[in-house]
Amino acid sequence: MGKSLRTKTLYQDKDWLTQKYVKEKLSTVEIARIYREEENKWCDPNTISRWLKKHDIQMRSLAEAQQNRHGTATSTGKPGKSR
């Protein structure tokens, strides 16, 4: 009787997190912001990180995160053209 019937929040959904973090390469900060905008509820980036770990979604290294954030990869995909 002590169990509550909570519904799963969007950031707890493995497919949604995979889409945002892996496929769209968004940061945990960006994902938390999107969640807040879509659901009109607070979400901390650390919560996103915790759910990525719970779903065994590989976290990016600091170097990979910085590369995504600063856009050092080019849209042409040619090596040697980064800033």
PDB file of N, CA and C in Angstrom:
ATOM      1  N   MET A   1       0.799  -1.197   0.000  1.00  0.00           N
ATOM      2  CA  MET A   1       0.000   0.000   0.000  1.00  0.00           C
ATOM      3  C   MET A   1       0.843   1.263   0.000  1.00  0.00           C
ATOM      4  N   GLY A   2       2.102   1.182   0.393  1.00  0.00           N
ATOM      5  CA  GLY A   2       2.928   2.363   0.516  1.00  0.00           C
ATOM      6  C   GLY A   2       3.460   2.909  -0.801  1.00  0.00           C
ATOM      7  N   LYS A   3       3.198   2.251  -1.910  1.00  0.00           N
ATOM      8  CA  LYS A   3       3.733   2.698  -3.192  1.00  0.00           C
ATOM      9  C   LYS A   3       2.831   3.766  -3.804  1.00  0.00           C
ATOM     10  N   SER A   4       3.472   4.799  -4.341  1.00  0.00           N
ATOM     11  CA  SER A   4       2.699   5.830  -5.019  1.00  0.00           C
ATOM     12  C   SER A   4       2.630   5.498  -6.508  1.00  0.00           C
ATOM     13  N   LEU A   5       1.622   6.004  -7.140  1.00  0.00           N
ATOM     14  CA  LEU A   5       1.427   5.746  -8.567  1.00  0.00           C
ATOM     15  C   LEU A   5       1.865   6.971  -9.365  1.00  0.00           C
ATOM     16  N   ARG A   6       3.156   7.274  -9.276  1.00  0.00           N
ATOM     17  CA  ARG A   6       3.682   8.419 -10.007  1.00  0.00           C
ATOM     18  C   ARG A   6       3.859   8.061 -11.470  1.00  0.00           C
ATOM     19  N   THR A   7       3.628   9.022 -12.314  1.00  0.00           N
ATOM     20  CA  THR A   7       3.883   8.801 -13.733  1.00  0.00           C
ATOM     21  C   THR A   7       5.342   9.127 -14.018  1.00  0.00           C
ATOM     22  N   LYS A   8       5.881   8.481 -15.004  1.00  0.00           N
ATOM     23  CA  LYS A   8       7.272   8.688 -15.399  1.00  0.00           C
ATOM     24  C   LYS A   8       7.399  10.070 -16.034  1.00  0.00           C
ATOM     25  N   THR A   9       8.395  10.829 -15.589  1.00  0.00           N
ATOM     26  CA  THR A   9       8.620  12.137 -16.190  1.00  0.00           C
ATOM     27  C   THR A   9       9.399  11.974 -17.493  1.00  0.00           C
ATOM     28  N   LEU A  10       9.349  13.014 -18.303  1.00  0.00           N
ATOM     29  CA  LEU A  10       9.966  12.963 -19.623  1.00  0.00           C
ATOM     30  C   LEU A  10      11.451  12.640 -19.547  1.00  0.00           C
ATOM     31  N   TYR A  11      12.170  13.265 -18.601  1.00  0.00           N
ATOM     32  CA  TYR A  11      13.618  13.025 -18.515  1.00  0.00           C
ATOM     33  C   TYR A  11      13.962  11.636 -17.993  1.00  0.00           C
ATOM     34  N   GLN A  12      12.970  10.897 -17.488  1.00  0.00           N
ATOM     35  CA  GLN A  12      13.215   9.523 -17.052  1.00  0.00           C
ATOM     36  C   GLN A  12      13.068   8.526 -18.203  1.00  0.00           C
ATOM     37  N   ASP A  13      12.592   8.979 -19.342  1.00  0.00           N
ATOM     38  CA  ASP A  13      12.373   8.120 -20.499  1.00  0.00           C
ATOM     39  C   ASP A  13      13.689   7.912 -21.256  1.00  0.00           C
ATOM     40  N   LYS A  14      14.126   6.665 -21.339  1.00  0.00           N
ATOM     41  CA  LYS A  14      15.407   6.343 -21.976  1.00  0.00           C
ATOM     42  C   LYS A  14      15.444   6.776 -23.436  1.00  0.00           C
ATOM     43  N   ASP A  15      14.382   6.548 -24.182  1.00  0.00           N
ATOM     44  CA  ASP A  15      14.362   6.914 -25.598  1.00  0.00           C
ATOM     45  C   ASP A  15      14.476   8.426 -25.783  1.00  0.00           C
ATOM     46  N   TRP A  16      13.752   9.185 -24.954  1.00  0.00           N
ATOM     47  CA  TRP A  16      13.796  10.648 -25.037  1.00  0.00           C
ATOM     48  C   TRP A  16      15.201  11.158 -24.716  1.00  0.00           C
ATOM     49  N   LEU A  17      15.799  10.618 -23.640  1.00  0.00           N
ATOM     50  CA  LEU A  17      17.151  11.027 -23.262  1.00  0.00           C
ATOM     51  C   LEU A  17      18.168  10.658 -24.340  1.00  0.00           C
ATOM     52  N   THR A  18      18.041   9.473 -24.909  1.00  0.00           N
ATOM     53  CA  THR A  18      18.947   9.038 -25.969  1.00  0.00           C
ATOM     54  C   THR A  18      18.842   9.972 -27.168  1.00  0.00           C
ATOM     55  N   GLN A  19      17.634  10.328 -27.530  1.00  0.00           N
ATOM     56  CA  GLN A  19      17.417  11.245 -28.653  1.00  0.00           C
ATOM     57  C   GLN A  19      18.101  12.582 -28.399  1.00  0.00           C
ATOM     58  N   LYS A  20      17.886  13.145 -27.231  1.00  0.00           N
ATOM     59  CA  LYS A  20      18.423  14.473 -26.919  1.00  0.00           C
ATOM     60  C   LYS A  20      19.936  14.456 -26.707  1.00  0.00           C
ATOM     61  N   TYR A  21      20.428  13.499 -25.920  1.00  0.00           N
ATOM     62  CA  TYR A  21      21.837  13.502 -25.527  1.00  0.00           C
ATOM     63  C   TYR A  21      22.751  12.877 -26.578  1.00  0.00           C
ATOM     64  N   VAL A  22      22.347  11.731 -27.110  1.00  0.00           N
ATOM     65  CA  VAL A  22      23.216  11.005 -28.038  1.00  0.00           C
ATOM     66  C   VAL A  22      23.027  11.495 -29.473  1.00  0.00           C
ATOM     67  N   LYS A  23      21.801  11.506 -29.945  1.00  0.00           N
ATOM     68  CA  LYS A  23      21.553  11.839 -31.348  1.00  0.00           C
ATOM     69  C   LYS A  23      21.655  13.334 -31.636  1.00  0.00           C
ATOM     70  N   GLU A  24      21.034  14.162 -30.746  1.00  0.00           N
ATOM     71  CA  GLU A  24      21.072  15.612 -30.964  1.00  0.00           C
ATOM     72  C   GLU A  24      22.308  16.259 -30.331  1.00  0.00           C
ATOM     73  N   LYS A  25      23.042  15.485 -29.526  1.00  0.00           N
ATOM     74  CA  LYS A  25      24.268  15.930 -28.864  1.00  0.00           C
ATOM     75  C   LYS A  25      24.054  17.178 -28.007  1.00  0.00           C
ATOM     76  N   LEU A  26      22.915  17.236 -27.327  1.00  0.00           N
ATOM     77  CA  LEU A  26      22.646  18.342 -26.422  1.00  0.00           C
ATOM     78  C   LEU A  26      23.327  18.081 -25.083  1.00  0.00           C
ATOM     79  N   SER A  27      23.662  19.144 -24.379  1.00  0.00           N
ATOM     80  CA  SER A  27      24.270  19.010 -23.056  1.00  0.00           C
ATOM     81  C   SER A  27      23.171  18.751 -22.021  1.00  0.00           C
ATOM     82  N   THR A  28      23.599  18.357 -20.831  1.00  0.00           N
ATOM     83  CA  THR A  28      22.626  18.147 -19.755  1.00  0.00           C
ATOM     84  C   THR A  28      21.931  19.464 -19.400  1.00  0.00           C
ATOM     85  N   VAL A  29      22.643  20.572 -19.503  1.00  0.00           N
ATOM     86  CA  VAL A  29      22.056  21.893 -19.235  1.00  0.00           C
ATOM     87  C   VAL A  29      20.972  22.193 -20.269  1.00  0.00           C
ATOM     88  N   GLU A  30      21.254  21.922 -21.537  1.00  0.00           N
ATOM     89  CA  GLU A  30      20.284  22.168 -22.604  1.00  0.00           C
ATOM     90  C   GLU A  30      19.065  21.258 -22.461  1.00  0.00           C
ATOM     91  N   ILE A  31      19.302  19.997 -22.111  1.00  0.00           N
ATOM     92  CA  ILE A  31      18.194  19.058 -21.941  1.00  0.00           C
ATOM     93  C   ILE A  31      17.306  19.492 -20.782  1.00  0.00           C
ATOM     94  N   ALA A  32      17.906  19.915 -19.681  1.00  0.00           N
ATOM     95  CA  ALA A  32      17.125  20.395 -18.535  1.00  0.00           C
ATOM     96  C   ALA A  32      16.290  21.616 -18.926  1.00  0.00           C
ATOM     97  N   ARG A  33      16.880  22.513 -19.709  1.00  0.00           N
ATOM     98  CA  ARG A  33      16.142  23.705 -20.154  1.00  0.00           C
ATOM     99  C   ARG A  33      14.961  23.318 -21.048  1.00  0.00           C
ATOM    100  N   ILE A  34      15.189  22.394 -21.967  1.00  0.00           N
ATOM    101  CA  ILE A  34      14.114  21.928 -22.854  1.00  0.00           C
ATOM    102  C   ILE A  34      12.988  21.309 -22.029  1.00  0.00           C
ATOM    103  N   TYR A  35      13.368  20.482 -21.053  1.00  0.00           N
ATOM    104  CA  TYR A  35      12.360  19.871 -20.181  1.00  0.00           C
ATOM    105  C   TYR A  35      11.547  20.947 -19.475  1.00  0.00           C
ATOM    106  N   ARG A  36      12.230  21.951 -18.918  1.00  0.00           N
ATOM    107  CA  ARG A  36      11.523  23.037 -18.208  1.00  0.00           C
ATOM    108  C   ARG A  36      10.555  23.750 -19.142  1.00  0.00           C
ATOM    109  N   GLU A  37      10.992  23.996 -20.383  1.00  0.00           N
ATOM    110  CA  GLU A  37      10.139  24.703 -21.345  1.00  0.00           C
ATOM    111  C   GLU A  37       8.942  23.858 -21.773  1.00  0.00           C
ATOM    112  N   GLU A  38       9.162  22.566 -22.025  1.00  0.00           N
ATOM    113  CA  GLU A  38       8.091  21.688 -22.498  1.00  0.00           C
ATOM    114  C   GLU A  38       7.093  21.332 -21.403  1.00  0.00           C
ATOM    115  N   GLU A  39       7.599  21.079 -20.191  1.00  0.00           N
ATOM    116  CA  GLU A  39       6.742  20.591 -19.106  1.00  0.00           C
ATOM    117  C   GLU A  39       6.375  21.670 -18.092  1.00  0.00           C
ATOM    118  N   ASN A  40       7.019  22.825 -18.203  1.00  0.00           N
ATOM    119  CA  ASN A  40       6.792  23.916 -17.264  1.00  0.00           C
ATOM    120  C   ASN A  40       7.029  23.469 -15.813  1.00  0.00           C
ATOM    121  N   LYS A  41       8.071  22.655 -15.638  1.00  0.00           N
ATOM    122  CA  LYS A  41       8.466  22.148 -14.322  1.00  0.00           C
ATOM    123  C   LYS A  41       9.971  22.278 -14.193  1.00  0.00           C
ATOM    124  N   TRP A  42      10.448  22.468 -12.975  1.00  0.00           N
ATOM    125  CA  TRP A  42      11.879  22.615 -12.745  1.00  0.00           C
ATOM    126  C   TRP A  42      12.619  21.293 -12.968  1.00  0.00           C
ATOM    127  N   CYS A  43      13.823  21.392 -13.512  1.00  0.00           N
ATOM    128  CA  CYS A  43      14.705  20.239 -13.665  1.00  0.00           C
ATOM    129  C   CYS A  43      16.137  20.735 -13.611  1.00  0.00           C
ATOM    130  N   ASP A  44      16.951  20.085 -12.811  1.00  0.00           N
ATOM    131  CA  ASP A  44      18.353  20.442 -12.662  1.00  0.00           C
ATOM    132  C   ASP A  44      19.195  19.592 -13.624  1.00  0.00           C
ATOM    133  N   PRO A  45      20.252  20.147 -14.219  1.00  0.00           N
ATOM    134  CA  PRO A  45      21.130  19.359 -15.100  1.00  0.00           C
ATOM    135  C   PRO A  45      21.712  18.120 -14.418  1.00  0.00           C
ATOM    136  N   ASN A  46      21.934  18.197 -13.101  1.00  0.00           N
ATOM    137  CA  ASN A  46      22.435  17.016 -12.381  1.00  0.00           C
ATOM    138  C   ASN A  46      21.418  15.881 -12.390  1.00  0.00           C
ATOM    139  N   THR A  47      20.145  16.219 -12.408  1.00  0.00           N
ATOM    140  CA  THR A  47      19.091  15.205 -12.501  1.00  0.00           C
ATOM    141  C   THR A  47      19.186  14.493 -13.845  1.00  0.00           C
ATOM    142  N   ILE A  48      19.436  15.255 -14.897  1.00  0.00           N
ATOM    143  CA  ILE A  48      19.600  14.662 -16.232  1.00  0.00           C
ATOM    144  C   ILE A  48      20.797  13.706 -16.224  1.00  0.00           C
ATOM    145  N   SER A  49      21.907  14.141 -15.645  1.00  0.00           N
ATOM    146  CA  SER A  49      23.099  13.288 -15.559  1.00  0.00           C
ATOM    147  C   SER A  49      22.803  11.992 -14.817  1.00  0.00           C
ATOM    148  N   ARG A  50      22.077  12.104 -13.730  1.00  0.00           N
ATOM    149  CA  ARG A  50      21.734  10.920 -12.929  1.00  0.00           C
ATOM    150  C   ARG A  50      20.914   9.930 -13.749  1.00  0.00           C
ATOM    151  N   TRP A  51      19.962  10.425 -14.546  1.00  0.00           N
ATOM    152  CA  TRP A  51      19.136   9.530 -15.352  1.00  0.00           C
ATOM    153  C   TRP A  51      19.903   8.949 -16.538  1.00  0.00           C
ATOM    154  N   LEU A  52      20.852   9.698 -17.072  1.00  0.00           N
ATOM    155  CA  LEU A  52      21.711   9.136 -18.121  1.00  0.00           C
ATOM    156  C   LEU A  52      22.472   7.939 -17.564  1.00  0.00           C
ATOM    157  N   LYS A  53      23.007   8.097 -16.365  1.00  0.00           N
ATOM    158  CA  LYS A  53      23.749   7.003 -15.719  1.00  0.00           C
ATOM    159  C   LYS A  53      22.835   5.826 -15.413  1.00  0.00           C
ATOM    160  N   LYS A  54      21.619   6.097 -14.924  1.00  0.00           N
ATOM    161  CA  LYS A  54      20.669   5.016 -14.608  1.00  0.00           C
ATOM    162  C   LYS A  54      20.329   4.193 -15.840  1.00  0.00           C
ATOM    163  N   HIS A  55      20.291   4.856 -16.996  1.00  0.00           N
ATOM    164  CA  HIS A  55      19.959   4.158 -18.245  1.00  0.00           C
ATOM    165  C   HIS A  55      21.197   3.644 -18.967  1.00  0.00           C
ATOM    166  N   ASP A  56      22.356   3.728 -18.315  1.00  0.00           N
ATOM    167  CA  ASP A  56      23.619   3.281 -18.921  1.00  0.00           C
ATOM    168  C   ASP A  56      23.900   3.958 -20.251  1.00  0.00           C
ATOM    169  N   ILE A  57      23.563   5.237 -20.349  1.00  0.00           N
ATOM    170  CA  ILE A  57      23.885   6.026 -21.532  1.00  0.00           C
ATOM    171  C   ILE A  57      25.259   6.637 -21.277  1.00  0.00           C
ATOM    172  N   GLN A  58      26.194   6.339 -22.146  1.00  0.00           N
ATOM    173  CA  GLN A  58      27.583   6.772 -21.976  1.00  0.00           C
ATOM    174  C   GLN A  58      27.670   8.292 -21.963  1.00  0.00           C
ATOM    175  N   MET A  59      28.250   8.821 -20.882  1.00  0.00           N
ATOM    176  CA  MET A  59      28.442  10.269 -20.768  1.00  0.00           C
ATOM    177  C   MET A  59      29.648  10.677 -21.614  1.00  0.00           C
ATOM    178  N   ARG A  60      29.574  11.873 -22.201  1.00  0.00           N
ATOM    179  CA  ARG A  60      30.681  12.382 -22.994  1.00  0.00           C
ATOM    180  C   ARG A  60      31.822  12.823 -22.081  1.00  0.00           C
ATOM    181  N   SER A  61      33.032  12.753 -22.606  1.00  0.00           N
ATOM    182  CA  SER A  61      34.181  13.268 -21.864  1.00  0.00           C
ATOM    183  C   SER A  61      34.112  14.793 -21.870  1.00  0.00           C
ATOM    184  N   LEU A  62      34.897  15.415 -21.023  1.00  0.00           N
ATOM    185  CA  LEU A  62      34.938  16.871 -20.975  1.00  0.00           C
ATOM    186  C   LEU A  62      35.362  17.438 -22.327  1.00  0.00           C
ATOM    187  N   ALA A  63      36.340  16.806 -22.966  1.00  0.00           N
ATOM    188  CA  ALA A  63      36.811  17.269 -24.275  1.00  0.00           C
ATOM    189  C   ALA A  63      35.699  17.190 -25.328  1.00  0.00           C
ATOM    190  N   GLU A  64      34.951  16.089 -25.318  1.00  0.00           N
ATOM    191  CA  GLU A  64      33.840  15.954 -26.271  1.00  0.00           C
ATOM    192  C   GLU A  64      32.762  16.995 -25.999  1.00  0.00           C
ATOM    193  N   ALA A  65      32.464  17.225 -24.739  1.00  0.00           N
ATOM    194  CA  ALA A  65      31.441  18.207 -24.371  1.00  0.00           C
ATOM    195  C   ALA A  65      31.858  19.604 -24.813  1.00  0.00           C
ATOM    196  N   GLN A  66      33.127  19.939 -24.593  1.00  0.00           N
ATOM    197  CA  GLN A  66      33.617  21.254 -24.998  1.00  0.00           C
ATOM    198  C   GLN A  66      33.624  21.402 -26.514  1.00  0.00           C
ATOM    199  N   GLN A  67      33.966  20.329 -27.202  1.00  0.00           N
ATOM    200  CA  GLN A  67      33.966  20.363 -28.660  1.00  0.00           C
ATOM    201  C   GLN A  67      32.555  20.650 -29.170  1.00  0.00           C
ATOM    202  N   ASN A  68      31.549  19.980 -28.604  1.00  0.00           N
ATOM    203  CA  ASN A  68      30.161  20.217 -29.000  1.00  0.00           C
ATOM    204  C   ASN A  68      29.742  21.642 -28.660  1.00  0.00           C
ATOM    205  N   ARG A  69      30.139  22.104 -27.483  1.00  0.00           N
ATOM    206  CA  ARG A  69      29.705  23.406 -27.009  1.00  0.00           C
ATOM    207  C   ARG A  69      30.299  24.543 -27.822  1.00  0.00           C
ATOM    208  N   HIS A  70      31.544  24.385 -28.219  1.00  0.00           N
ATOM    209  CA  HIS A  70      32.210  25.453 -28.948  1.00  0.00           C
ATOM    210  C   HIS A  70      32.122  25.288 -30.452  1.00  0.00           C
ATOM    211  N   GLY A  71      31.500  24.204 -30.892  1.00  0.00           N
ATOM    212  CA  GLY A  71      31.293  24.013 -32.325  1.00  0.00           C
ATOM    213  C   GLY A  71      32.579  23.920 -33.118  1.00  0.00           C
ATOM    214  N   THR A  72      33.576  23.212 -32.592  1.00  0.00           N
ATOM    215  CA  THR A  72      34.848  23.120 -33.301  1.00  0.00           C
ATOM    216  C   THR A  72      34.773  22.188 -34.494  1.00  0.00           C
ATOM    217  N   ALA A  73      33.786  21.317 -34.536  1.00  0.00           N
ATOM    218  CA  ALA A  73      33.613  20.452 -35.703  1.00  0.00           C
ATOM    219  C   ALA A  73      32.940  21.283 -36.796  1.00  0.00           C
ATOM    220  N   THR A  74      33.323  21.035 -38.029  1.00  0.00           N
ATOM    221  CA  THR A  74      32.751  21.808 -39.125  1.00  0.00           C
ATOM    222  C   THR A  74      31.574  21.076 -39.735  1.00  0.00           C
ATOM    223  N   SER A  75      30.731  21.831 -40.402  1.00  0.00           N
ATOM    224  CA  SER A  75      29.571  21.222 -41.046  1.00  0.00           C
ATOM    225  C   SER A  75      29.979  20.448 -42.294  1.00  0.00           C
ATOM    226  N   THR A  76      31.149  20.755 -42.865  1.00  0.00           N
ATOM    227  CA  THR A  76      31.591  20.052 -44.052  1.00  0.00           C
ATOM    228  C   THR A  76      32.176  18.690 -43.701  1.00  0.00           C
ATOM    229  N   GLY A  77      32.635  18.563 -42.452  1.00  0.00           N
ATOM    230  CA  GLY A  77      33.203  17.302 -42.024  1.00  0.00           C
ATOM    231  C   GLY A  77      34.620  17.081 -42.485  1.00  0.00           C
ATOM    232  N   LYS A  78      35.246  18.113 -43.104  1.00  0.00           N
ATOM    233  CA  LYS A  78      36.611  17.968 -43.611  1.00  0.00           C
ATOM    234  C   LYS A  78      37.586  18.202 -42.471  1.00  0.00           C
ATOM    235  N   PRO A  79      38.590  17.335 -42.344  1.00  0.00           N
ATOM    236  CA  PRO A  79      39.579  17.518 -41.280  1.00  0.00           C
ATOM    237  C   PRO A  79      40.413  18.777 -41.544  1.00  0.00           C
ATOM    238  N   GLY A  80      40.895  19.365 -40.456  1.00  0.00           N
ATOM    239  CA  GLY A  80      41.757  20.521 -40.574  1.00  0.00           C
ATOM    240  C   GLY A  80      41.033  21.835 -40.780  1.00  0.00           C
ATOM    241  N   LYS A  81      39.745  21.828 -40.787  1.00  0.00           N
ATOM    242  CA  LYS A  81      38.972  23.047 -41.006  1.00  0.00           C
ATOM    243  C   LYS A  81      38.377  23.594 -39.714  1.00  0.00           C
ATOM    244  N   SER A  82      38.762  23.037 -38.572  1.00  0.00           N
ATOM    245  CA  SER A  82      38.199  23.513 -37.312  1.00  0.00           C
ATOM    246  C   SER A  82      38.874  24.806 -36.898  1.00  0.00           C
ATOM    247  N   ARG A  83      38.233  25.556 -36.013  1.00  0.00           N
ATOM    248  CA  ARG A  83      38.735  26.870 -35.577  1.00  0.00           C
ATOM    249  C   ARG A  83      39.837  26.729 -34.597  1.00  0.00           C
TER     250      ARG A  83
END
